[in-house]
Protein backbone atom coordinates (compact mmCIF):
# COMPACT_ATOMS: atom_id res chain seq x y z
CA MET A 1 0.00 0.00 0.00
CA SER A 2 1.44 3.37 -0.96
CA GLN A 3 1.98 6.12 1.59
CA GLY A 4 -0.58 8.36 -0.11
CA THR A 5 -3.28 5.70 0.03
CA GLN A 6 -2.51 4.93 3.65
CA ARG A 7 -2.60 8.63 4.56
CA SER A 8 -5.93 9.02 2.76
CA ILE A 9 -7.43 6.05 4.62
CA PHE A 10 -6.31 7.38 8.00
CA ARG A 11 -7.58 10.85 7.11
CA TRP A 12 -11.05 9.50 6.28
CA ILE A 13 -11.16 7.37 9.43
CA HIS A 14 -10.22 10.48 11.39
CA ILE A 15 -12.97 12.55 9.75
CA VAL A 16 -15.67 9.88 10.11
CA PHE A 17 -14.90 9.31 13.78
CA ALA A 18 -14.98 13.07 14.42
CA ILE A 19 -18.66 13.28 13.44
CA PRO A 20 -20.01 11.46 16.54
CA ILE A 21 -17.74 13.55 18.76
CA LEU A 22 -19.22 16.72 17.29
CA GLY A 23 -22.68 15.27 17.94
CA TYR A 24 -21.65 14.58 21.52
CA ILE A 25 -20.43 18.14 22.01
CA TYR A 26 -23.47 19.83 20.49
CA SER A 27 -26.19 17.45 21.73
CA PRO A 28 -28.60 18.47 24.50
CA PHE A 29 -27.27 17.95 28.00
CA GLU A 30 -29.93 15.35 28.82
CA LYS A 31 -28.71 13.02 26.06
CA LEU A 32 -25.01 13.09 27.02
CA PRO A 33 -25.10 9.94 29.21
CA ASP A 34 -26.31 7.95 26.20
CA TYR A 35 -23.26 8.89 24.10
CA ALA A 36 -20.59 9.12 26.80
CA PRO A 37 -19.27 5.51 26.86
CA ALA A 38 -19.00 5.20 23.09
CA THR A 39 -17.34 8.59 22.84
CA ARG A 40 -14.86 7.93 25.64
CA PHE A 41 -13.89 4.39 24.76
CA VAL A 42 -14.28 4.16 20.97
CA PHE A 43 -14.43 7.44 19.07
CA LEU A 44 -11.90 9.50 21.04
CA PRO A 45 -9.16 6.80 21.18
CA VAL A 46 -9.51 6.14 17.44
CA MET A 47 -9.28 9.88 16.78
CA VAL A 48 -6.15 10.16 18.92
CA LEU A 49 -4.47 7.14 17.31
CA THR A 50 -5.22 8.19 13.73
CA GLY A 51 -4.17 11.76 14.49
CA LEU A 52 -0.87 10.63 16.00
CA TRP A 53 -0.29 8.25 13.09
CA MET A 54 -0.83 11.04 10.57
CA TRP A 55 1.37 13.41 12.59
CA LYS A 56 4.23 11.13 13.69
CA GLY A 57 3.67 7.97 11.67
CA HIS A 58 6.98 8.36 9.88
CA VAL A 59 8.82 8.08 13.21
CA LEU A 60 6.87 4.97 14.19
CA ARG A 61 7.50 3.34 10.80
CA ARG A 62 11.21 4.07 11.14
CA LEU A 63 11.30 2.49 14.61
CA ILE A 64 9.44 -0.59 13.39
CA SER A 65 11.74 -1.03 10.39
CA LYS A 66 14.89 -0.73 12.54
CA ARG A 67 13.55 -3.23 15.04
CA SER A 68 12.70 -5.85 12.41
CA ALA A 69 16.08 -5.57 10.68
């Protein structure tokens, strides 16, 4: 898989998982307990991981390639 394709996939995952977080932020206060577990344990960690991968993925790939060699 090329770097451009991989970056595009992570970008779209990041965007799609941001939509429920925006819904959580702008939803009425009474409905927050319904969305809280999914937001805390699914959407936010995926957002953080994809964001870090897009930001510092080159460092992680370099560490993985050195370790396997």
